[in-house]
C-alpha atoms as a PDB file:
ATOM      1  CA  MET A   1     -29.604  12.070  -1.104  1.00  0.00           C
ATOM      2  CA  ARG A   2     -26.866  12.779   1.399  1.00  0.00           C
ATOM      3  CA  PRO A   3     -27.738  14.488   4.675  1.00  0.00           C
ATOM      4  CA  LYS A   4     -26.321  18.024   4.654  1.00  0.00           C
ATOM      5  CA  ILE A   5     -24.478  17.437   7.946  1.00  0.00           C
ATOM      6  CA  ALA A   6     -22.620  14.433   6.563  1.00  0.00           C
ATOM      7  CA  HIS A   7     -21.730  16.263   3.365  1.00  0.00           C
ATOM      8  CA  ALA A   8     -20.386  19.274   5.272  1.00  0.00           C
ATOM      9  CA  PHE A   9     -18.342  17.080   7.613  1.00  0.00           C
ATOM     10  CA  TYR A  10     -16.744  15.121   4.822  1.00  0.00           C
ATOM     11  CA  ALA A  11     -16.018  18.241   2.790  1.00  0.00           C
ATOM     12  CA  LEU A  12     -14.104  19.489   5.832  1.00  0.00           C
ATOM     13  CA  VAL A  13     -12.195  16.201   6.142  1.00  0.00           C
ATOM     14  CA  LEU A  14     -11.223  16.167   2.473  1.00  0.00           C
ATOM     15  CA  SER A  15      -9.929  19.740   2.670  1.00  0.00           C
ATOM     16  CA  ALA A  16      -6.910  18.575   4.704  1.00  0.00           C
ATOM     17  CA  GLY A  17      -3.784  16.644   3.843  1.00  0.00           C
ATOM     18  CA  LEU A  18      -4.270  14.363   0.855  1.00  0.00           C
ATOM     19  CA  ALA A  19      -7.356  16.040  -0.594  1.00  0.00           C
ATOM     20  CA  GLN A  20      -5.356  16.594  -3.747  1.00  0.00           C
ATOM     21  CA  ALA A  21      -6.671  17.736  -7.124  1.00  0.00           C
ATOM     22  CA  ALA A  22      -4.127  15.561  -8.970  1.00  0.00           C
ATOM     23  CA  PRO A  23      -2.846  12.036  -8.308  1.00  0.00           C
ATOM     24  CA  VAL A  24      -0.022  11.670  -5.775  1.00  0.00           C
ATOM     25  CA  TYR A  25       2.344   8.873  -4.791  1.00  0.00           C
ATOM     26  CA  LEU A  26       2.461   7.634  -1.203  1.00  0.00           C
ATOM     27  CA  THR A  27       5.542   5.705  -0.096  1.00  0.00           C
ATOM     28  CA  PHE A  28       5.521   3.609   3.081  1.00  0.00           C
ATOM     29  CA  THR A  29       8.671   2.117   4.612  1.00  0.00           C
ATOM     30  CA  GLY A  30       8.939  -0.196   7.579  1.00  0.00           C
ATOM     31  CA  VAL A  31       9.805  -3.635   8.930  1.00  0.00           C
ATOM     32  CA  ALA A  32       8.104  -6.980   8.386  1.00  0.00           C
ATOM     33  CA  THR A  33       6.655  -8.255  11.658  1.00  0.00           C
ATOM     34  CA  SER A  34       5.404 -11.609  10.368  1.00  0.00           C
ATOM     35  CA  SER A  35       5.923 -13.549   7.146  1.00  0.00           C
ATOM     36  CA  ASN A  36       5.415 -17.038   5.761  1.00  0.00           C
ATOM     37  CA  TYR A  37       6.850 -16.026   2.383  1.00  0.00           C
ATOM     38  CA  ALA A  38      10.505 -17.050   1.945  1.00  0.00           C
ATOM     39  CA  GLY A  39      11.327 -13.879  -0.010  1.00  0.00           C
ATOM     40  CA  ILE A  40      10.694 -11.569   2.966  1.00  0.00           C
ATOM     41  CA  ALA A  41      11.975 -12.404   6.449  1.00  0.00           C
ATOM     42  CA  VAL A  42      10.734 -11.071   9.783  1.00  0.00           C
ATOM     43  CA  GLY A  43      12.745  -7.955  10.600  1.00  0.00           C
ATOM     44  CA  GLN A  44      13.476  -7.193   6.946  1.00  0.00           C
ATOM     45  CA  GLN A  45      12.916  -3.647   5.756  1.00  0.00           C
ATOM     46  CA  VAL A  46      10.062  -3.351   3.273  1.00  0.00           C
ATOM     47  CA  GLN A  47       8.654  -0.541   1.170  1.00  0.00           C
ATOM     48  CA  TYR A  48       5.330  -0.095  -0.610  1.00  0.00           C
ATOM     49  CA  GLN A  49       4.269   2.691  -2.964  1.00  0.00           C
ATOM     50  CA  TYR A  50       0.834   3.677  -4.215  1.00  0.00           C
ATOM     51  CA  ARG A  51      -0.574   6.103  -6.724  1.00  0.00           C
ATOM     52  CA  VAL A  52      -3.695   7.636  -5.182  1.00  0.00           C
ATOM     53  CA  ASP A  53      -6.317   9.566  -7.142  1.00  0.00           C
ATOM     54  CA  ARG A  54      -9.213  10.879  -5.074  1.00  0.00           C
ATOM     55  CA  ALA A  55     -10.883  12.304  -8.190  1.00  0.00           C
ATOM     56  CA  ALA A  56     -11.303   8.818  -9.729  1.00  0.00           C
ATOM     57  CA  ASP A  57     -13.483   5.928  -8.602  1.00  0.00           C
ATOM     58  CA  GLY A  58     -11.799   2.812  -7.311  1.00  0.00           C
ATOM     59  CA  TYR A  59     -12.760  -0.640  -8.519  1.00  0.00           C
ATOM     60  CA  VAL A  60     -12.442  -4.355  -7.874  1.00  0.00           C
ATOM     61  CA  ASN A  61     -12.147  -6.729 -10.835  1.00  0.00           C
ATOM     62  CA  VAL A  62     -13.061 -10.352 -10.090  1.00  0.00           C
ATOM     63  CA  ASN A  63     -12.581 -12.701 -13.034  1.00  0.00           C
ATOM     64  CA  GLY A  64     -13.495  -9.959 -15.474  1.00  0.00           C
ATOM     65  CA  THR A  65     -16.454  -8.572 -13.510  1.00  0.00           C
ATOM     66  CA  VAL A  66     -15.689  -4.970 -12.513  1.00  0.00           C
ATOM     67  CA  GLN A  67     -17.319  -3.453  -9.460  1.00  0.00           C
ATOM     68  CA  ASN A  68     -17.021   0.334  -9.378  1.00  0.00           C
ATOM     69  CA  TYR A  69     -17.286   2.376  -6.209  1.00  0.00           C
ATOM     70  CA  THR A  70     -18.427   5.937  -5.672  1.00  0.00           C
ATOM     71  CA  ASP A  71     -18.805   8.117  -2.594  1.00  0.00           C
ATOM     72  CA  TYR A  72     -21.473   6.805  -0.253  1.00  0.00           C
ATOM     73  CA  ASN A  73     -22.930   7.591   3.162  1.00  0.00           C
ATOM     74  CA  GLY A  74     -25.945   6.251   4.983  1.00  0.00           C
ATOM     75  CA  ASP A  75     -26.510   8.812   7.727  1.00  0.00           C
ATOM     76  CA  ALA A  76     -24.856  11.772   9.434  1.00  0.00           C
ATOM     77  CA  SER A  77     -22.437   9.599  11.411  1.00  0.00           C
ATOM     78  CA  TYR A  78     -21.549   6.983   8.799  1.00  0.00           C
ATOM     79  CA  TYR A  79     -19.191   7.764   5.900  1.00  0.00           C
ATOM     80  CA  PHE A  80     -17.560   5.952   3.029  1.00  0.00           C
ATOM     81  CA  ASP A  81     -15.329   7.587   0.440  1.00  0.00           C
ATOM     82  CA  TYR A  82     -14.069   5.284  -2.318  1.00  0.00           C
ATOM     83  CA  PHE A  83     -11.265   6.349  -4.625  1.00  0.00           C
ATOM     84  CA  LEU A  84      -8.607   4.912  -6.930  1.00  0.00           C
ATOM     85  CA  SER A  85      -5.473   3.439  -5.334  1.00  0.00           C
ATOM     86  CA  GLN A  86      -2.916   1.704  -7.538  1.00  0.00           C
ATOM     87  CA  TYR A  87       0.023  -0.283  -6.152  1.00  0.00           C
ATOM     88  CA  THR A  88       3.101   0.848  -8.100  1.00  0.00           C
ATOM     89  CA  GLY A  89       6.128  -0.744  -6.449  1.00  0.00           C
ATOM     90  CA  GLY A  90       7.903  -2.197  -3.457  1.00  0.00           C
ATOM     91  CA  ASP A  91       8.559  -5.556  -1.859  1.00  0.00           C
ATOM     92  CA  ALA A  92       5.252  -7.286  -2.597  1.00  0.00           C
ATOM     93  CA  ILE A  93       5.050 -11.014  -3.246  1.00  0.00           C
ATOM     94  CA  PRO A  94       5.965 -11.331  -6.941  1.00  0.00           C
ATOM     95  CA  THR A  95       3.396 -12.177  -9.601  1.00  0.00           C
ATOM     96  CA  ASP A  96       5.456 -14.947 -11.171  1.00  0.00           C
ATOM     97  CA  LEU A  97       4.755 -17.441  -8.380  1.00  0.00           C
ATOM     98  CA  ALA A  98       2.801 -20.524  -9.426  1.00  0.00           C
ATOM     99  CA  TYR A  99      -0.649 -19.884  -7.957  1.00  0.00           C
ATOM    100  CA  PRO A 100      -2.957 -22.920  -7.870  1.00  0.00           C
ATOM    101  CA  GLY A 101      -6.563 -22.001  -8.531  1.00  0.00           C
ATOM    102  CA  VAL A 102      -6.241 -18.380  -9.690  1.00  0.00           C
ATOM    103  CA  PHE A 103      -9.320 -16.387  -8.742  1.00  0.00           C
ATOM    104  CA  GLY A 104      -8.448 -13.255 -10.712  1.00  0.00           C
ATOM    105  CA  TYR A 105      -8.796 -10.581  -8.020  1.00  0.00           C
ATOM    106  CA  ASP A 106      -7.650  -7.123  -9.053  1.00  0.00           C
ATOM    107  CA  TYR A 107      -8.003  -4.457  -6.334  1.00  0.00           C
ATOM    108  CA  HIS A 108      -7.595  -0.751  -7.061  1.00  0.00           C
ATOM    109  CA  VAL A 109      -9.575   0.957  -4.340  1.00  0.00           C
ATOM    110  CA  GLY A 110      -9.034   3.044  -1.225  1.00  0.00           C
ATOM    111  CA  PHE A 111     -11.510   4.285   1.332  1.00  0.00           C
ATOM    112  CA  ASP A 112     -12.126   6.293   4.464  1.00  0.00           C
ATOM    113  CA  TYR A 113     -14.650   4.778   6.845  1.00  0.00           C
ATOM    114  CA  PHE A 114     -16.008   6.790   9.740  1.00  0.00           C
ATOM    115  CA  TYR A 115     -18.729   5.478  12.031  1.00  0.00           C
ATOM    116  CA  HIS A 116     -19.625   6.953  15.421  1.00  0.00           C
ATOM    117  CA  GLY A 117     -16.055   8.028  16.124  1.00  0.00           C
ATOM    118  CA  SER A 118     -14.412   4.877  14.750  1.00  0.00           C
ATOM    119  CA  ILE A 119     -11.925   5.427  11.914  1.00  0.00           C
ATOM    120  CA  GLN A 120     -10.767   2.822   9.441  1.00  0.00           C
ATOM    121  CA  SER A 121      -8.825   4.075   6.434  1.00  0.00           C
ATOM    122  CA  GLN A 122      -7.264   1.722   3.908  1.00  0.00           C
ATOM    123  CA  ILE A 123      -5.637   1.870   0.493  1.00  0.00           C
ATOM    124  CA  TYR A 124      -5.577  -1.292  -1.612  1.00  0.00           C
ATOM    125  CA  GLY A 125      -3.586  -2.069  -4.723  1.00  0.00           C
ATOM    126  CA  SER A 126      -3.103  -5.287  -6.645  1.00  0.00           C
ATOM    127  CA  ASN A 127       0.414  -6.268  -7.617  1.00  0.00           C
ATOM    128  CA  SER A 128      -0.899  -7.172 -11.068  1.00  0.00           C
ATOM    129  CA  ASP A 129      -3.981  -6.944 -13.236  1.00  0.00           C
ATOM    130  CA  LEU A 130      -5.592 -10.400 -13.276  1.00  0.00           C
ATOM    131  CA  ALA A 131      -2.172 -12.110 -13.625  1.00  0.00           C
ATOM    132  CA  GLY A 132      -2.315 -13.166  -9.982  1.00  0.00           C
ATOM    133  CA  GLN A 133      -4.453 -12.735  -6.907  1.00  0.00           C
ATOM    134  CA  ASP A 134      -1.977 -11.042  -4.601  1.00  0.00           C
ATOM    135  CA  TYR A 135      -2.674  -7.592  -3.266  1.00  0.00           C
ATOM    136  CA  VAL A 136      -1.111  -5.070  -0.887  1.00  0.00           C
ATOM    137  CA  TYR A 137      -2.972  -2.792   1.484  1.00  0.00           C
ATOM    138  CA  VAL A 138      -2.043  -0.224   4.117  1.00  0.00           C
ATOM    139  CA  TYR A 139      -4.355   0.354   7.060  1.00  0.00           C
ATOM    140  CA  SER A 140      -4.797   3.059   9.691  1.00  0.00           C
ATOM    141  CA  GLY A 141      -7.253   2.799  12.553  1.00  0.00           C
ATOM    142  CA  THR A 142      -6.570   6.256  13.978  1.00  0.00           C
ATOM    143  CA  SER A 143      -6.612   8.811  11.139  1.00  0.00           C
ATOM    144  CA  LEU A 144      -8.456   9.577   7.934  1.00  0.00           C
ATOM    145  CA  ILE A 145      -6.396   9.544   4.754  1.00  0.00           C
ATOM    146  CA  GLY A 146      -6.877  13.282   4.288  1.00  0.00           C
ATOM    147  CA  ASP A 147      -4.933  13.788   7.523  1.00  0.00           C
ATOM    148  CA  TRP A 148      -1.956  11.568   6.687  1.00  0.00           C
ATOM    149  CA  THR A 149       1.366  13.412   6.692  1.00  0.00           C
ATOM    150  CA  VAL A 150       4.998  12.498   6.010  1.00  0.00           C
ATOM    151  CA  GLY A 151       6.623  10.990   9.095  1.00  0.00           C
ATOM    152  CA  MET A 152       3.370   9.594  10.469  1.00  0.00           C
ATOM    153  CA  SER A 153       3.816   6.047  11.806  1.00  0.00           C
ATOM    154  CA  GLY A 154       1.497   3.389  13.150  1.00  0.00           C
ATOM    155  CA  PHE A 155       0.384   2.054   9.749  1.00  0.00           C
ATOM    156  CA  GLN A 156       0.000  -1.651   9.184  1.00  0.00           C
ATOM    157  CA  GLY A 157       0.805  -3.093   5.791  1.00  0.00           C
ATOM    158  CA  VAL A 158      -0.462  -6.459   4.624  1.00  0.00           C
ATOM    159  CA  ASN A 159       0.660  -8.284   1.476  1.00  0.00           C
ATOM    160  CA  SER A 160      -1.492 -11.346   0.817  1.00  0.00           C
ATOM    161  CA  VAL A 161      -2.219 -13.964  -1.807  1.00  0.00           C
ATOM    162  CA  PHE A 162      -5.825 -14.977  -2.417  1.00  0.00           C
ATOM    163  CA  ASP A 163      -5.430 -18.729  -2.536  1.00  0.00           C
ATOM    164  CA  SER A 164      -6.605 -21.470  -0.241  1.00  0.00           C
ATOM    165  CA  ASP A 165      -3.492 -23.551  -0.957  1.00  0.00           C
ATOM    166  CA  THR A 166      -0.715 -20.939  -0.953  1.00  0.00           C
ATOM    167  CA  ASN A 167      -1.836 -18.631   1.893  1.00  0.00           C
ATOM    168  CA  LEU A 168       1.168 -16.316   1.663  1.00  0.00           C
ATOM    169  CA  THR A 169       1.019 -13.241   3.891  1.00  0.00           C
ATOM    170  CA  VAL A 170       3.524 -10.595   4.978  1.00  0.00           C
ATOM    171  CA  VAL A 171       2.524  -8.136   7.718  1.00  0.00           C
ATOM    172  CA  SER A 172       4.576  -4.996   8.410  1.00  0.00           C
ATOM    173  CA  ASP A 173       4.696  -1.934  10.631  1.00  0.00           C
ATOM    174  CA  LEU A 174       5.035   1.099   8.366  1.00  0.00           C
ATOM    175  CA  THR A 175       5.759   4.825   8.357  1.00  0.00           C
ATOM    176  CA  LEU A 176       4.601   7.212   5.616  1.00  0.00           C
ATOM    177  CA  THR A 177       7.953   8.436   4.291  1.00  0.00           C
ATOM    178  CA  SER A 178       6.936  10.363   1.163  1.00  0.00           C
ATOM    179  CA  ILE A 179       4.014  12.159  -0.471  1.00  0.00           C
ATOM    180  CA  SER A 180       4.989  13.270  -3.962  1.00  0.00           C
ATOM    181  CA  ASP A 181       3.569  13.983  -7.407  1.00  0.00           C
ATOM    182  CA  VAL A 182       6.294  11.789  -8.928  1.00  0.00           C
ATOM    183  CA  PRO A 183       7.237   8.153  -8.121  1.00  0.00           C
ATOM    184  CA  GLN A 184       9.937   7.670  -5.501  1.00  0.00           C
ATOM    185  CA  THR A 185      12.917   5.379  -6.017  1.00  0.00           C
ATOM    186  CA  SER A 186      13.238   2.559  -3.539  1.00  0.00           C
ATOM    187  CA  SER A 187      15.426   3.202  -0.496  1.00  0.00           C
ATOM    188  CA  VAL A 188      15.404  -0.498   0.359  1.00  0.00           C
ATOM    189  CA  PRO A 189      18.656  -2.163  -0.885  1.00  0.00           C
ATOM    190  CA  GLU A 190      18.056  -4.856  -3.503  1.00  0.00           C
ATOM    191  CA  PRO A 191      19.762  -8.238  -2.874  1.00  0.00           C
ATOM    192  CA  GLY A 192      21.935  -7.732  -5.972  1.00  0.00           C
ATOM    193  CA  SER A 193      23.035  -4.316  -4.749  1.00  0.00           C
ATOM    194  CA  LEU A 194      23.967  -5.743  -1.369  1.00  0.00           C
ATOM    195  CA  ALA A 195      25.990  -8.484  -3.054  1.00  0.00           C
ATOM    196  CA  MET A 196      27.857  -5.954  -5.195  1.00  0.00           C
ATOM    197  CA  LEU A 197      28.527  -3.848  -2.111  1.00  0.00           C
ATOM    198  CA  GLY A 198      29.973  -6.888  -0.321  1.00  0.00           C
ATOM    199  CA  ILE A 199      32.223  -7.728  -3.279  1.00  0.00           C
ATOM    200  CA  GLY A 200      33.441  -4.129  -3.425  1.00  0.00           C
ATOM    201  CA  LEU A 201      34.242  -4.036   0.281  1.00  0.00           C
ATOM    202  CA  ALA A 202      36.074  -7.353   0.010  1.00  0.00           C
ATOM    203  CA  GLY A 203      38.119  -5.971  -2.890  1.00  0.00           C
ATOM    204  CA  LEU A 204      39.035  -2.881  -0.912  1.00  0.00           C
ATOM    205  CA  GLY A 205      40.146  -5.049   2.015  1.00  0.00           C
ATOM    206  CA  LEU A 206      42.310  -7.199  -0.247  1.00  0.00           C
ATOM    207  CA  ALA A 207      43.926  -4.144  -1.813  1.00  0.00           C
ATOM    208  CA  ALA A 208      44.689  -2.710   1.628  1.00  0.00           C
ATOM    209  CA  ARG A 209      46.334  -5.964   2.713  1.00  0.00           C
ATOM    210  CA  ARG A 210      48.514  -6.004  -0.398  1.00  0.00           C
ATOM    211  CA  ARG A 211      49.742  -2.469   0.283  1.00  0.00           C
ATOM    212  CA  THR A 212      50.756  -3.461   3.809  1.00  0.00           C
END
């Protein structure tokens, strides 16, 4: 049974910010600080979006074996809160890469961890369900998820592939740019859009030269 002090503390924490009764979408935008994946370069703008449901239990599926998580605490100064976190879009490593030795990891879990004043809050979300072993997570070492607000920076995003041969990882500095009950459209220009923009600008320049 939970100690009453721990229960009261966590009830207070969950009453702020993202202690929502219905699922919400969190959108993070930032810049890649390191990458060994050719599709995302250092300095490139990236965006990740999650659907978070604190009323549902998160889970990890490993080769068909599902591990469910529920709220847990060990003593008055040690807290875990597990909940559902689903990756829904952004610049993650695509699932159509040829992964040697697929392990079948499927992460849909988020948690707040609080231990003697130390905070570690993370939301995980797989880019696919058992089709690959890549996953994306956003981490904060300074604030509980219930206190996250739009405009807050200092988040670290990590997009990784679980594979001893591939070892693809993109690390980014992120800002929480949206909390919404509906999915947000990407504000990061797609390569095709940039190409079309360049063609359009070139056409305008040619037309201007013809007029002169």
